[in-house]
Protein backbone atom coordinates (compact mmCIF):
# COMPACT_ATOMS: atom_id res chain seq x y z
CA UNK A 1 0.00 0.00 0.00
CA UNK A 2 2.84 2.43 0.82
CA UNK A 3 4.37 1.68 -2.57
CA UNK A 4 1.07 2.52 -4.27
CA UNK A 5 0.85 5.79 -2.35
CA UNK A 6 4.41 6.60 -3.43
CA UNK A 7 3.47 5.91 -7.05
CA UNK A 8 0.52 8.33 -6.76
CA UNK A 9 2.87 11.24 -5.97
CA UNK A 10 5.30 10.30 -8.74
CA UNK A 11 2.65 11.08 -11.39
CA UNK A 12 2.89 14.86 -11.95
CA UNK A 13 -0.70 15.43 -13.07
CA UNK A 14 -2.20 13.36 -10.23
CA UNK A 15 0.13 14.94 -7.66
CA UNK A 16 -0.91 18.41 -8.80
CA UNK A 17 -4.61 17.55 -8.56
CA UNK A 18 -4.23 16.15 -5.04
CA UNK A 19 -2.22 19.16 -3.80
CA UNK A 20 -4.76 21.61 -5.30
CA UNK A 21 -7.60 19.70 -3.63
CA UNK A 22 -5.82 19.79 -0.26
CA UNK A 23 -5.18 23.53 -0.69
CA UNK A 24 -8.85 24.28 -1.36
CA UNK A 25 -9.92 22.12 1.59
CA UNK A 26 -7.47 24.00 3.82
CA UNK A 27 -8.94 27.33 2.69
CA UNK A 28 -12.42 26.01 3.47
CA UNK A 29 -11.46 24.86 6.96
CA UNK A 30 -9.72 28.18 7.62
CA UNK A 31 -12.83 30.18 6.69
CA UNK A 32 -15.01 27.83 8.73
CA UNK A 33 -13.22 29.08 11.87
CA UNK A 34 -13.36 32.84 11.18
CA UNK A 35 -16.17 34.21 13.36
CA UNK A 36 -18.46 36.98 12.15
CA UNK A 37 -17.29 40.40 13.40
CA UNK A 38 -20.11 41.24 15.83
CA UNK A 39 -20.94 37.72 17.07
CA UNK A 40 -19.90 36.29 20.43
CA UNK A 41 -19.45 32.63 19.56
CA UNK A 42 -18.99 31.54 23.18
CA UNK A 43 -22.27 33.18 24.22
CA UNK A 44 -24.13 31.53 21.37
CA UNK A 45 -22.73 28.08 22.17
CA UNK A 46 -23.67 28.54 25.83
CA UNK A 47 -27.21 29.60 24.89
CA UNK A 48 -27.93 26.61 22.69
CA UNK A 49 -26.33 24.32 25.23
CA UNK A 50 -28.80 25.58 27.81
CA UNK A 51 -31.66 25.06 25.34
CA UNK A 52 -30.68 21.41 24.81
CA UNK A 53 -30.33 21.81 21.04
CA UNK A 54 -26.67 20.90 20.64
CA UNK A 55 -27.52 17.51 19.11
CA UNK A 56 -29.93 19.22 16.73
CA UNK A 57 -27.30 21.73 15.60
CA UNK A 58 -24.70 18.98 15.14
CA UNK A 59 -27.16 17.03 13.00
CA UNK A 60 -27.80 20.04 10.75
CA UNK A 61 -24.07 20.80 10.66
CA UNK A 62 -23.46 17.37 9.13
CA UNK A 63 -25.34 18.40 5.99
CA UNK A 64 -23.95 21.94 5.81
CA UNK A 65 -20.27 21.08 6.46
CA UNK A 66 -19.95 23.76 9.15
CA UNK A 67 -20.44 24.39 12.86
CA UNK A 68 -23.69 26.24 13.56
CA UNK A 69 -22.72 26.84 17.19
CA UNK A 70 -19.88 29.12 16.06
CA UNK A 71 -21.29 31.54 13.50
CA UNK A 72 -18.49 32.07 10.99
CA UNK A 73 -18.22 33.65 7.55
CA UNK A 74 -19.01 30.16 6.22
CA UNK A 75 -21.78 29.78 8.79
CA UNK A 76 -24.35 28.42 6.33
CA UNK A 77 -21.80 26.12 4.72
CA UNK A 78 -22.94 24.39 1.57
CA UNK A 79 -26.51 23.69 2.71
CA UNK A 80 -28.22 26.35 0.50
CA UNK A 81 -26.53 24.90 -2.58
CA UNK A 82 -27.50 21.35 -1.64
CA UNK A 83 -31.10 22.46 -1.05
CA UNK A 84 -31.21 24.20 -4.45
CA UNK A 85 -29.68 21.15 -6.16
CA UNK A 86 -32.25 18.81 -4.62
CA UNK A 87 -35.10 21.15 -5.60
CA UNK A 88 -34.00 21.28 -9.24
CA UNK A 89 -33.30 17.55 -9.35
CA UNK A 90 -36.85 16.86 -8.21
CA UNK A 91 -38.30 19.47 -10.58
CA UNK A 92 -36.35 17.99 -13.49
CA UNK A 93 -38.26 14.74 -12.95
CA UNK A 94 -41.77 16.22 -12.86
CA UNK A 95 -41.67 19.61 -14.66
CA UNK A 96 -41.66 19.51 -18.46
CA UNK A 97 -39.28 22.43 -19.31
CA UNK A 98 -36.57 21.25 -16.90
CA UNK A 99 -37.07 17.64 -18.00
CA UNK A 100 -36.45 18.67 -21.61
CA UNK A 101 -33.36 20.62 -20.57
CA UNK A 102 -32.04 17.57 -18.73
CA UNK A 103 -32.41 15.44 -21.87
CA UNK A 104 -30.37 17.91 -23.94
CA UNK A 105 -27.17 16.58 -22.42
CA UNK A 106 -24.23 18.76 -21.38
CA UNK A 107 -25.74 22.03 -22.63
CA UNK A 108 -29.00 21.45 -20.78
CA UNK A 109 -27.20 20.43 -17.58
CA UNK A 110 -25.11 23.61 -17.82
CA UNK A 111 -28.30 25.68 -17.93
CA UNK A 112 -29.77 23.80 -14.95
CA UNK A 113 -26.55 24.43 -13.00
CA UNK A 114 -26.89 28.13 -13.76
CA UNK A 115 -30.45 28.16 -12.40
CA UNK A 116 -29.21 26.26 -9.34
CA UNK A 117 -26.64 28.97 -8.59
CA UNK A 118 -29.27 31.71 -8.81
CA UNK A 119 -31.52 29.74 -6.46
CA UNK A 120 -28.58 29.28 -4.09
CA UNK A 121 -28.16 33.06 -3.79
CA UNK A 122 -31.83 33.54 -2.85
CA UNK A 123 -31.81 30.64 -0.39
CA UNK A 124 -28.56 31.80 1.21
CA UNK A 125 -29.88 35.34 1.57
CA UNK A 126 -33.11 34.14 3.22
CA UNK A 127 -31.33 31.67 5.52
CA UNK A 128 -28.76 34.32 6.48
CA UNK A 129 -31.51 36.73 7.50
CA UNK A 130 -33.25 34.02 9.55
CA UNK A 131 -29.94 33.00 11.14
CA UNK A 132 -29.23 36.60 12.14
CA UNK A 133 -32.60 36.77 13.87
CA UNK A 134 -31.72 33.57 15.70
CA UNK A 135 -28.41 35.08 16.83
CA UNK A 136 -30.14 38.23 18.10
CA UNK A 137 -32.67 36.10 20.00
CA UNK A 138 -29.82 34.11 21.53
CA UNK A 139 -28.16 37.31 22.74
CA UNK A 140 -24.91 36.43 21.00
CA UNK A 141 -24.31 39.90 19.49
CA UNK A 142 -21.83 42.05 21.38
CA UNK A 143 -23.61 44.79 23.34
CA UNK A 144 -21.36 47.49 21.81
CA UNK A 145 -23.04 46.98 18.44
CA UNK A 146 -26.62 47.18 19.71
CA UNK A 147 -28.87 50.21 19.92
CA UNK A 148 -30.12 51.37 23.35
CA UNK A 149 -33.39 49.51 22.74
CA UNK A 150 -31.49 46.26 22.09
CA UNK A 151 -32.00 46.24 18.32
CA UNK A 152 -29.30 46.06 15.66
CA UNK A 153 -28.81 48.75 13.04
CA UNK A 154 -29.95 47.84 9.52
CA UNK A 155 -26.48 48.50 8.12
CA UNK A 156 -24.98 45.86 10.44
CA UNK A 157 -27.79 43.45 9.60
CA UNK A 158 -27.16 43.91 5.89
CA UNK A 159 -23.41 43.45 6.37
CA UNK A 160 -23.84 40.17 8.24
CA UNK A 161 -26.39 38.82 5.74
CA UNK A 162 -24.23 39.73 2.75
CA UNK A 163 -21.14 38.26 4.45
CA UNK A 164 -22.83 34.90 5.09
CA UNK A 165 -24.35 34.84 1.59
CA UNK A 166 -20.97 35.61 0.03
CA UNK A 167 -19.42 32.91 2.21
CA UNK A 168 -21.86 30.32 0.89
CA UNK A 169 -21.19 31.35 -2.71
CA UNK A 170 -17.44 31.18 -2.07
CA UNK A 171 -17.79 27.66 -0.63
CA UNK A 172 -19.82 26.68 -3.72
CA UNK A 173 -17.05 28.16 -5.90
CA UNK A 174 -14.43 26.14 -3.99
CA UNK A 175 -16.38 22.96 -4.71
CA UNK A 176 -16.56 23.78 -8.42
CA UNK A 177 -12.81 24.54 -8.53
CA UNK A 178 -12.09 21.14 -6.96
CA UNK A 179 -14.28 19.54 -9.65
CA UNK A 180 -12.35 21.33 -12.40
CA UNK A 181 -8.76 21.40 -11.16
CA UNK A 182 -8.65 18.94 -8.29
CA UNK A 183 -9.76 15.33 -7.90
CA UNK A 184 -13.05 13.96 -6.61
CA UNK A 185 -16.45 15.59 -6.22
CA UNK A 186 -15.85 19.04 -4.73
CA UNK A 187 -19.10 19.49 -2.80
CA UNK A 188 -18.91 15.98 -1.35
CA UNK A 189 -15.30 16.50 -0.29
CA UNK A 190 -16.23 19.73 1.51
CA UNK A 191 -18.98 17.92 3.42
CA UNK A 192 -16.58 15.09 4.23
CA UNK A 193 -14.00 17.61 5.47
CA UNK A 194 -16.61 19.10 7.81
CA UNK A 195 -17.45 15.64 9.13
CA UNK A 196 -13.84 14.57 9.67
CA UNK A 197 -13.08 17.88 11.39
CA UNK A 198 -15.15 16.63 14.33
CA UNK A 199 -13.16 13.40 14.60
CA UNK A 200 -10.38 14.72 16.91
CA UNK A 201 -12.97 15.71 19.52
CA UNK A 202 -14.61 12.27 19.20
CA UNK A 203 -11.23 10.53 19.63
CA UNK A 204 -10.55 12.59 22.75
CA UNK A 205 -13.92 11.50 24.15
CA UNK A 206 -13.13 7.86 23.30
CA UNK A 207 -9.56 7.62 24.62
CA UNK A 208 -9.79 10.33 27.27
CA UNK A 209 -10.89 7.94 30.04
CA UNK A 210 -7.87 5.67 29.40
CA UNK A 211 -5.47 8.62 29.52
CA UNK A 212 -7.11 9.93 32.70
CA UNK A 213 -7.71 6.70 34.65
CA UNK A 214 -5.17 4.34 33.13
CA UNK A 215 -5.81 0.78 31.89
CA UNK A 216 -8.59 -0.08 34.31
CA UNK A 217 -11.15 -2.80 33.60
CA UNK A 218 -14.81 -1.95 33.91
CA UNK A 219 -16.59 1.37 34.03
CA UNK A 220 -16.66 3.43 37.19
CA UNK A 221 -17.85 6.92 38.02
CA UNK A 222 -19.36 7.36 34.59
CA UNK A 223 -15.96 6.72 32.97
CA UNK A 224 -15.24 3.87 30.55
CA UNK A 225 -12.67 1.20 31.14
CA UNK A 226 -10.26 -0.21 28.56
CA UNK A 227 -12.64 -3.11 27.85
CA UNK A 228 -15.44 -0.71 26.91
CA UNK A 229 -13.12 1.32 24.69
CA UNK A 230 -11.99 -1.83 22.86
CA UNK A 231 -15.59 -2.89 22.39
CA UNK A 232 -16.43 0.53 20.93
CA UNK A 233 -13.49 0.24 18.51
CA UNK A 234 -14.61 -3.23 17.37
CA UNK A 235 -18.18 -1.98 16.96
CA UNK A 236 -16.96 0.92 14.83
CA UNK A 237 -14.96 -1.42 12.57
CA UNK A 238 -17.99 -3.73 12.22
CA UNK A 239 -20.29 -0.86 11.30
CA UNK A 240 -17.84 0.47 8.71
CA UNK A 241 -17.45 -2.99 7.15
CA UNK A 242 -21.24 -3.34 6.96
CA UNK A 243 -21.62 0.10 5.37
CA UNK A 244 -18.94 -0.69 2.80
CA UNK A 245 -20.52 -4.07 2.03
CA UNK A 246 -23.99 -2.66 1.38
CA UNK A 247 -22.73 0.50 -0.36
CA UNK A 248 -20.89 -1.60 -2.94
CA UNK A 249 -23.53 -4.35 -3.05
CA UNK A 250 -25.34 -4.90 -6.36
CA UNK A 251 -27.97 -7.30 -7.66
CA UNK A 252 -26.74 -8.70 -10.96
CA UNK A 253 -29.36 -9.46 -13.60
CA UNK A 254 -27.94 -11.69 -16.38
CA UNK A 255 -28.24 -10.23 -19.88
CA UNK A 256 -27.29 -11.50 -23.30
CA UNK A 257 -26.63 -9.64 -26.50
CA UNK A 258 -28.31 -10.76 -29.70
CA UNK A 259 -26.27 -12.42 -32.44
CA UNK A 260 -26.00 -10.79 -35.85
CA UNK A 261 -24.12 -11.83 -38.97
CA UNK A 262 -21.95 -9.51 -41.02
CA UNK A 263 -20.48 -11.22 -44.01
CA UNK A 264 -19.02 -14.47 -42.83
CA UNK A 265 -18.61 -13.39 -39.23
CA UNK A 266 -21.03 -13.72 -36.32
CA UNK A 267 -21.03 -10.89 -33.78
CA UNK A 268 -22.69 -10.60 -30.39
CA UNK A 269 -24.08 -13.41 -28.32
CA UNK A 270 -22.01 -12.34 -25.30
CA UNK A 271 -23.30 -12.79 -21.78
CA UNK A 272 -23.12 -9.92 -19.33
CA UNK A 273 -25.10 -8.62 -16.39
CA UNK A 274 -27.07 -5.53 -15.44
CA UNK A 275 -25.98 -4.24 -11.98
CA UNK A 276 -28.69 -2.80 -9.72
CA UNK A 277 -27.41 -1.19 -6.56
CA UNK A 278 -28.89 -2.49 -3.31
CA UNK A 279 -28.73 1.01 -1.85
CA UNK A 280 -30.00 2.77 -4.96
CA UNK A 281 -31.21 5.86 -3.05
CA UNK A 282 -27.84 6.48 -1.40
CA UNK A 283 -27.83 8.82 1.57
CA UNK A 284 -30.76 10.98 0.41
CA UNK A 285 -33.51 9.15 2.40
CA UNK A 286 -31.64 9.76 5.67
CA UNK A 287 -31.15 13.44 4.78
CA UNK A 288 -34.84 13.87 3.95
CA UNK A 289 -36.02 11.94 7.01
CA UNK A 290 -33.69 13.81 9.38
CA UNK A 291 -34.73 17.18 7.94
CA UNK A 292 -38.43 16.34 8.14
CA UNK A 293 -38.16 15.19 11.76
CA UNK A 294 -36.77 18.60 12.67
CA UNK A 295 -40.01 20.29 11.58
CA UNK A 296 -42.42 18.95 14.27
CA UNK A 297 -39.81 19.45 16.99
CA UNK A 298 -39.23 23.10 16.02
CA UNK A 299 -42.94 23.87 15.53
CA UNK A 300 -44.23 22.27 18.74
CA UNK A 301 -41.34 23.62 20.83
CA UNK A 302 -41.87 27.14 19.51
CA UNK A 303 -45.64 26.98 20.05
CA UNK A 304 -45.17 25.49 23.50
CA UNK A 305 -42.79 28.28 24.54
CA UNK A 306 -44.99 30.99 22.96
CA UNK A 307 -48.23 29.76 24.53
CA UNK A 308 -46.73 28.33 27.71
CA UNK A 309 -48.22 24.91 26.96
CA UNK A 310 -46.43 21.95 28.54
CA UNK A 311 -48.49 19.58 26.37
CA UNK A 312 -47.09 21.05 23.15
CA UNK A 313 -43.59 20.99 24.56
CA UNK A 314 -44.05 17.33 25.47
CA UNK A 315 -45.26 16.52 21.94
CA UNK A 316 -42.21 18.33 20.56
CA UNK A 317 -39.91 16.27 22.80
CA UNK A 318 -41.29 13.09 21.20
CA UNK A 319 -39.33 13.99 18.05
CA UNK A 320 -35.94 14.20 19.74
CA UNK A 321 -33.38 11.51 20.46
CA UNK A 322 -34.25 11.74 24.16
CA UNK A 323 -37.51 9.93 23.34
CA UNK A 324 -35.76 7.23 21.37
CA UNK A 325 -38.75 4.96 20.76
CA UNK A 326 -41.07 7.48 19.08
CA UNK A 327 -38.16 9.19 17.31
CA UNK A 328 -36.66 5.97 15.96
CA UNK A 329 -40.00 4.52 14.82
CA UNK A 330 -40.83 7.73 12.95
CA UNK A 331 -37.27 7.81 11.59
CA UNK A 332 -37.47 4.26 10.20
CA UNK A 333 -40.90 4.83 8.62
CA UNK A 334 -39.73 8.01 6.92
CA UNK A 335 -36.57 6.32 5.64
CA UNK A 336 -38.61 3.51 4.05
CA UNK A 337 -40.94 6.06 2.46
CA UNK A 338 -38.14 8.22 1.06
CA UNK A 339 -36.19 5.16 -0.15
CA UNK A 340 -39.06 4.18 -2.43
CA UNK A 341 -39.82 7.81 -3.26
CA UNK A 342 -36.26 8.71 -4.27
CA UNK A 343 -35.76 5.43 -6.16
CA UNK A 344 -38.98 6.02 -8.11
CA UNK A 345 -37.76 9.49 -9.11
CA UNK A 346 -34.15 8.71 -10.00
CA UNK A 347 -34.50 5.15 -11.35
CA UNK A 348 -36.41 4.71 -14.61
CA UNK A 349 -36.84 1.03 -15.63
CA UNK A 350 -38.33 2.03 -19.00
CA UNK A 351 -35.17 3.93 -19.97
CA UNK A 352 -32.99 0.99 -18.97
CA UNK A 353 -35.15 -1.41 -20.97
CA UNK A 354 -34.96 0.91 -24.00
CA UNK A 355 -31.18 1.17 -23.67
CA UNK A 356 -30.87 -2.62 -23.56
CA UNK A 357 -33.06 -2.88 -26.64
CA UNK A 358 -31.05 -0.25 -28.52
CA UNK A 359 -27.81 -2.06 -27.63
CA UNK A 360 -29.19 -5.34 -28.94
CA UNK A 361 -29.22 -6.94 -25.49
CA UNK A 362 -32.03 -8.63 -23.58
CA UNK A 363 -32.77 -10.33 -20.27
CA UNK A 364 -33.24 -14.02 -20.79
CA UNK A 365 -36.83 -15.14 -20.38
CA UNK A 366 -38.26 -11.64 -20.86
CA UNK A 367 -39.24 -9.85 -24.02
CA UNK A 368 -37.60 -6.56 -24.86
CA UNK A 369 -39.58 -3.45 -24.02
CA UNK A 370 -42.47 -3.39 -21.57
CA UNK A 371 -41.94 -6.86 -20.12
CA UNK A 372 -38.26 -6.16 -19.42
CA UNK A 373 -39.11 -2.83 -17.76
CA UNK A 374 -41.69 -4.52 -15.52
CA UNK A 375 -39.19 -7.19 -14.50
CA UNK A 376 -36.47 -4.62 -13.68
CA UNK A 377 -38.96 -2.58 -11.65
CA UNK A 378 -40.06 -5.70 -9.74
CA UNK A 379 -36.45 -6.60 -8.87
CA UNK A 380 -35.68 -3.03 -7.82
CA UNK A 381 -38.72 -2.92 -5.53
CA UNK A 382 -37.53 -6.07 -3.77
CA UNK A 383 -33.95 -4.98 -3.21
CA UNK A 384 -35.14 -1.53 -2.09
CA UNK A 385 -36.66 -3.24 0.97
CA UNK A 386 -33.17 -4.52 1.82
CA UNK A 387 -31.55 -1.15 1.13
CA UNK A 388 -34.15 0.67 3.25
CA UNK A 389 -33.62 -1.78 6.12
CA UNK A 390 -29.88 -1.20 5.96
CA UNK A 391 -30.31 2.59 5.95
CA UNK A 392 -32.70 2.36 8.89
CA UNK A 393 -30.22 0.34 10.94
CA UNK A 394 -27.38 2.74 10.12
CA UNK A 395 -29.59 5.76 10.89
CA UNK A 396 -30.63 4.62 14.38
CA UNK A 397 -27.21 3.21 15.30
CA UNK A 398 -26.08 6.49 16.97
CA UNK A 399 -29.21 6.41 19.15
CA UNK A 400 -28.53 2.78 20.07
CA UNK A 401 -24.90 3.55 20.96
CA UNK A 402 -25.93 6.62 22.96
CA UNK A 403 -28.55 4.69 24.93
CA UNK A 404 -26.57 1.49 25.47
CA UNK A 405 -23.12 2.94 26.17
CA UNK A 406 -24.10 6.42 27.41
CA UNK A 407 -21.83 7.92 24.75
CA UNK A 408 -22.00 11.61 23.76
CA UNK A 409 -23.68 12.25 20.41
CA UNK A 410 -20.51 13.66 18.83
CA UNK A 411 -18.87 10.26 19.36
CA UNK A 412 -21.97 8.17 18.62
CA UNK A 413 -22.52 9.96 15.29
CA UNK A 414 -19.45 8.19 13.86
CA UNK A 415 -21.17 4.82 14.41
CA UNK A 416 -23.84 5.48 11.80
CA UNK A 417 -26.11 8.13 10.44
CA UNK A 418 -25.56 10.47 7.56
CA UNK A 419 -21.98 11.33 8.42
CA UNK A 420 -20.67 7.77 8.15
CA UNK A 421 -22.53 7.08 4.90
CA UNK A 422 -21.26 10.28 3.31
CA UNK A 423 -17.68 9.62 4.44
CA UNK A 424 -17.68 6.06 3.06
CA UNK A 425 -19.33 7.04 -0.25
CA UNK A 426 -16.99 9.98 -0.84
CA UNK A 427 -13.93 7.91 0.10
CA UNK A 428 -14.82 5.23 -2.46
CA UNK A 429 -15.54 7.85 -5.11
CA UNK A 430 -12.15 9.44 -4.44
CA UNK A 431 -10.37 6.07 -4.63
CA UNK A 432 -12.07 5.32 -7.97
CA UNK A 433 -10.96 8.70 -9.37
CA UNK A 434 -7.36 8.03 -8.29
CA UNK A 435 -7.52 4.48 -9.68
CA UNK A 436 -8.58 5.81 -13.08
CA UNK A 437 -5.34 7.82 -13.27
CA UNK A 438 -3.27 4.84 -12.12
CA UNK A 439 -4.84 2.38 -14.55
CA UNK A 440 -4.27 4.74 -17.50
CA UNK A 441 -0.54 4.51 -16.74
CA UNK A 442 -0.56 0.71 -16.31
CA UNK A 443 -0.33 0.81 -12.50
CA UNK A 444 -2.41 -1.29 -10.14
CA UNK A 445 -5.35 0.40 -8.44
CA UNK A 446 -5.35 1.15 -4.72
CA UNK A 447 -7.75 -1.69 -3.96
CA UNK A 448 -6.19 -4.22 -6.35
CA UNK A 449 -3.84 -6.91 -5.16
CA UNK A 450 -0.24 -7.03 -6.28
Foldseek 3Di string as FASTA:
>chain_A
DVVVVVVQCVDVQSVQQAVLLVVLLVVLVVQLPAADDFFQLVLQLVLVVVVVCLLVQVQQCLQQLHRCSGHGLQNSHQVLLVVLVVVLLLCCLPPPVLVVLVVVPPRSVVVSVVVSLVSSLVSLLVVQLVSVVVRLVSVGGDPVQADPVSHHDPVVSVVSSVSSSVSNVVLVVSQVCSVVRHFFRSSLVSSLSSLVVLVVVLVCLLCVLCVVPNQDQQDDPLGHHPVVSVVVVVLLVVLLVVLLCLQPDWDWFKKFFDWDDDDPDIDGGDIDTDTHRLQNLFQVLLVVLSVVLVVLLVVLCVVCVVVVPPVSNVVSVLCDLVVVPSNLVSSLVSLLVVLVVSCVRPPQLQVVLVVCVVRRMDGPPFDGGPRSSVVVVVVNVVSSVVNSVSLSCQQCQLSVCCVPVVGDSSNSNSSGGSNVSSNSVRVVSRQVRSQVVQVVVVHHGPPDDD
